[in-house]
Amino acid sequence: MTVAKILLIILAILLPPIAVLVHKGVSKPFWIDLILTILLYLPGQIYAVYVVLTE
């Protein structure tokens, strides 16, 4: 695991939409994560960590 991936995971825990934005750009996963984070914070965190780790 690289330092960049570790920093993205930390960012995904603290600010989930920003981590997905940095990792994927403005795309479908970003909007899904933003909506999940607005509705409930924990699902947004889980989804952001999933997006960062799957690629």
N, C-alpha and C. Protein backbone atom coordinates (compact mmCIF):
# COMPACT_ATOMS: atom_id res chain seq x y z
N MET A 1 0.84 -1.17 0.00
CA MET A 1 0.00 0.00 0.00
C MET A 1 0.89 1.24 0.00
N THR A 2 0.59 2.16 -0.88
CA THR A 2 1.41 3.36 -0.99
C THR A 2 0.97 4.42 0.01
N VAL A 3 1.81 5.41 0.16
CA VAL A 3 1.51 6.51 1.07
C VAL A 3 0.28 7.27 0.57
N ALA A 4 0.15 7.43 -0.73
CA ALA A 4 -1.00 8.15 -1.29
C ALA A 4 -2.30 7.43 -0.97
N LYS A 5 -2.30 6.10 -1.05
CA LYS A 5 -3.51 5.34 -0.74
C LYS A 5 -3.86 5.44 0.74
N ILE A 6 -2.86 5.41 1.60
CA ILE A 6 -3.10 5.55 3.04
C ILE A 6 -3.68 6.92 3.35
N LEU A 7 -3.15 7.96 2.72
CA LEU A 7 -3.69 9.31 2.92
C LEU A 7 -5.12 9.42 2.41
N LEU A 8 -5.42 8.74 1.29
CA LEU A 8 -6.79 8.75 0.77
C LEU A 8 -7.74 8.04 1.73
N ILE A 9 -7.29 6.96 2.36
CA ILE A 9 -8.13 6.25 3.33
C ILE A 9 -8.42 7.14 4.53
N ILE A 10 -7.39 7.83 5.03
CA ILE A 10 -7.60 8.76 6.15
C ILE A 10 -8.55 9.87 5.74
N LEU A 11 -8.39 10.39 4.54
CA LEU A 11 -9.30 11.43 4.05
C LEU A 11 -10.71 10.89 3.88
N ALA A 12 -10.84 9.63 3.47
CA ALA A 12 -12.16 9.02 3.32
C ALA A 12 -12.87 8.89 4.66
N ILE A 13 -12.13 8.71 5.71
CA ILE A 13 -12.74 8.61 7.05
C ILE A 13 -13.15 10.00 7.55
N LEU A 14 -12.31 10.99 7.29
CA LEU A 14 -12.59 12.34 7.80
C LEU A 14 -13.56 13.12 6.91
N LEU A 15 -13.31 13.13 5.60
CA LEU A 15 -14.13 13.88 4.65
C LEU A 15 -14.41 12.99 3.43
N PRO A 16 -15.42 12.13 3.53
CA PRO A 16 -15.65 11.13 2.48
C PRO A 16 -15.81 11.67 1.06
N PRO A 17 -16.64 12.69 0.82
CA PRO A 17 -16.79 13.15 -0.57
C PRO A 17 -15.50 13.72 -1.17
N ILE A 18 -14.68 14.35 -0.34
CA ILE A 18 -13.44 14.92 -0.84
C ILE A 18 -12.48 13.81 -1.27
N ALA A 19 -12.45 12.72 -0.52
CA ALA A 19 -11.57 11.60 -0.88
C ALA A 19 -11.98 10.99 -2.22
N VAL A 20 -13.29 10.82 -2.41
CA VAL A 20 -13.76 10.26 -3.68
C VAL A 20 -13.52 11.25 -4.81
N LEU A 21 -13.68 12.52 -4.54
CA LEU A 21 -13.42 13.55 -5.55
C LEU A 21 -11.96 13.53 -5.99
N VAL A 22 -11.05 13.43 -5.04
CA VAL A 22 -9.62 13.39 -5.37
C VAL A 22 -9.28 12.11 -6.13
N HIS A 23 -9.89 11.01 -5.73
CA HIS A 23 -9.57 9.71 -6.32
C HIS A 23 -10.21 9.50 -7.69
N LYS A 24 -11.48 9.87 -7.85
CA LYS A 24 -12.22 9.58 -9.08
C LYS A 24 -12.57 10.83 -9.90
N GLY A 25 -12.51 12.01 -9.29
CA GLY A 25 -12.97 13.21 -9.98
C GLY A 25 -14.49 13.33 -9.84
N VAL A 26 -15.06 14.30 -10.53
CA VAL A 26 -16.51 14.50 -10.47
C VAL A 26 -17.15 13.45 -11.39
N SER A 27 -17.59 12.38 -10.77
CA SER A 27 -18.18 11.27 -11.51
C SER A 27 -19.31 10.68 -10.68
N LYS A 28 -19.88 9.60 -11.16
CA LYS A 28 -21.02 8.98 -10.48
C LYS A 28 -20.69 8.57 -9.03
N PRO A 29 -19.53 7.95 -8.76
CA PRO A 29 -19.23 7.61 -7.36
C PRO A 29 -19.16 8.82 -6.44
N PHE A 30 -18.69 9.96 -6.95
CA PHE A 30 -18.65 11.17 -6.13
C PHE A 30 -20.05 11.60 -5.73
N TRP A 31 -20.98 11.62 -6.67
CA TRP A 31 -22.34 12.06 -6.36
C TRP A 31 -23.04 11.08 -5.42
N ILE A 32 -22.80 9.78 -5.61
CA ILE A 32 -23.38 8.78 -4.70
C ILE A 32 -22.85 9.01 -3.29
N ASP A 33 -21.55 9.21 -3.17
CA ASP A 33 -20.97 9.42 -1.85
C ASP A 33 -21.45 10.72 -1.22
N LEU A 34 -21.59 11.76 -2.01
CA LEU A 34 -22.08 13.03 -1.48
C LEU A 34 -23.49 12.88 -0.92
N ILE A 35 -24.35 12.19 -1.64
CA ILE A 35 -25.72 11.98 -1.17
C ILE A 35 -25.73 11.11 0.09
N LEU A 36 -24.94 10.05 0.11
CA LEU A 36 -24.87 9.19 1.30
C LEU A 36 -24.34 9.97 2.50
N THR A 37 -23.37 10.83 2.28
CA THR A 37 -22.81 11.61 3.39
C THR A 37 -23.81 12.64 3.90
N ILE A 38 -24.58 13.23 3.00
CA ILE A 38 -25.58 14.21 3.44
C ILE A 38 -26.69 13.52 4.23
N LEU A 39 -27.12 12.35 3.77
CA LEU A 39 -28.20 11.65 4.46
C LEU A 39 -27.73 11.12 5.82
N LEU A 40 -26.68 10.35 5.80
CA LEU A 40 -26.08 9.81 7.03
C LEU A 40 -24.59 9.74 6.82
N TYR A 41 -23.82 10.14 7.80
CA TYR A 41 -22.38 10.26 7.63
C TYR A 41 -21.69 8.90 7.49
N LEU A 42 -22.09 7.92 8.27
CA LEU A 42 -21.42 6.62 8.28
C LEU A 42 -21.49 5.89 6.94
N PRO A 43 -22.65 5.82 6.27
CA PRO A 43 -22.64 5.18 4.94
C PRO A 43 -21.74 5.89 3.94
N GLY A 44 -21.63 7.19 4.04
CA GLY A 44 -20.72 7.93 3.18
C GLY A 44 -19.27 7.55 3.43
N GLN A 45 -18.92 7.35 4.70
CA GLN A 45 -17.57 6.92 5.05
C GLN A 45 -17.28 5.52 4.50
N ILE A 46 -18.20 4.61 4.71
CA ILE A 46 -18.01 3.23 4.26
C ILE A 46 -17.87 3.19 2.74
N TYR A 47 -18.72 3.90 2.04
CA TYR A 47 -18.66 3.91 0.58
C TYR A 47 -17.36 4.54 0.08
N ALA A 48 -16.92 5.60 0.73
CA ALA A 48 -15.68 6.26 0.31
C ALA A 48 -14.48 5.34 0.50
N VAL A 49 -14.42 4.64 1.62
CA VAL A 49 -13.32 3.69 1.84
C VAL A 49 -13.40 2.57 0.81
N TYR A 50 -14.59 2.10 0.50
CA TYR A 50 -14.77 1.07 -0.52
C TYR A 50 -14.26 1.54 -1.89
N VAL A 51 -14.62 2.75 -2.27
CA VAL A 51 -14.20 3.28 -3.57
C VAL A 51 -12.68 3.42 -3.62
N VAL A 52 -12.08 3.89 -2.55
CA VAL A 52 -10.63 4.09 -2.53
C VAL A 52 -9.91 2.74 -2.56
N LEU A 53 -10.43 1.74 -1.88
CA LEU A 53 -9.73 0.46 -1.80
C LEU A 53 -9.94 -0.44 -3.01
N THR A 54 -11.03 -0.26 -3.76
CA THR A 54 -11.30 -1.16 -4.86
C THR A 54 -10.49 -0.87 -6.11
N GLU A 55 -9.79 0.22 -6.15
CA GLU A 55 -9.03 0.50 -7.38
C GLU A 55 -7.59 0.79 -7.12
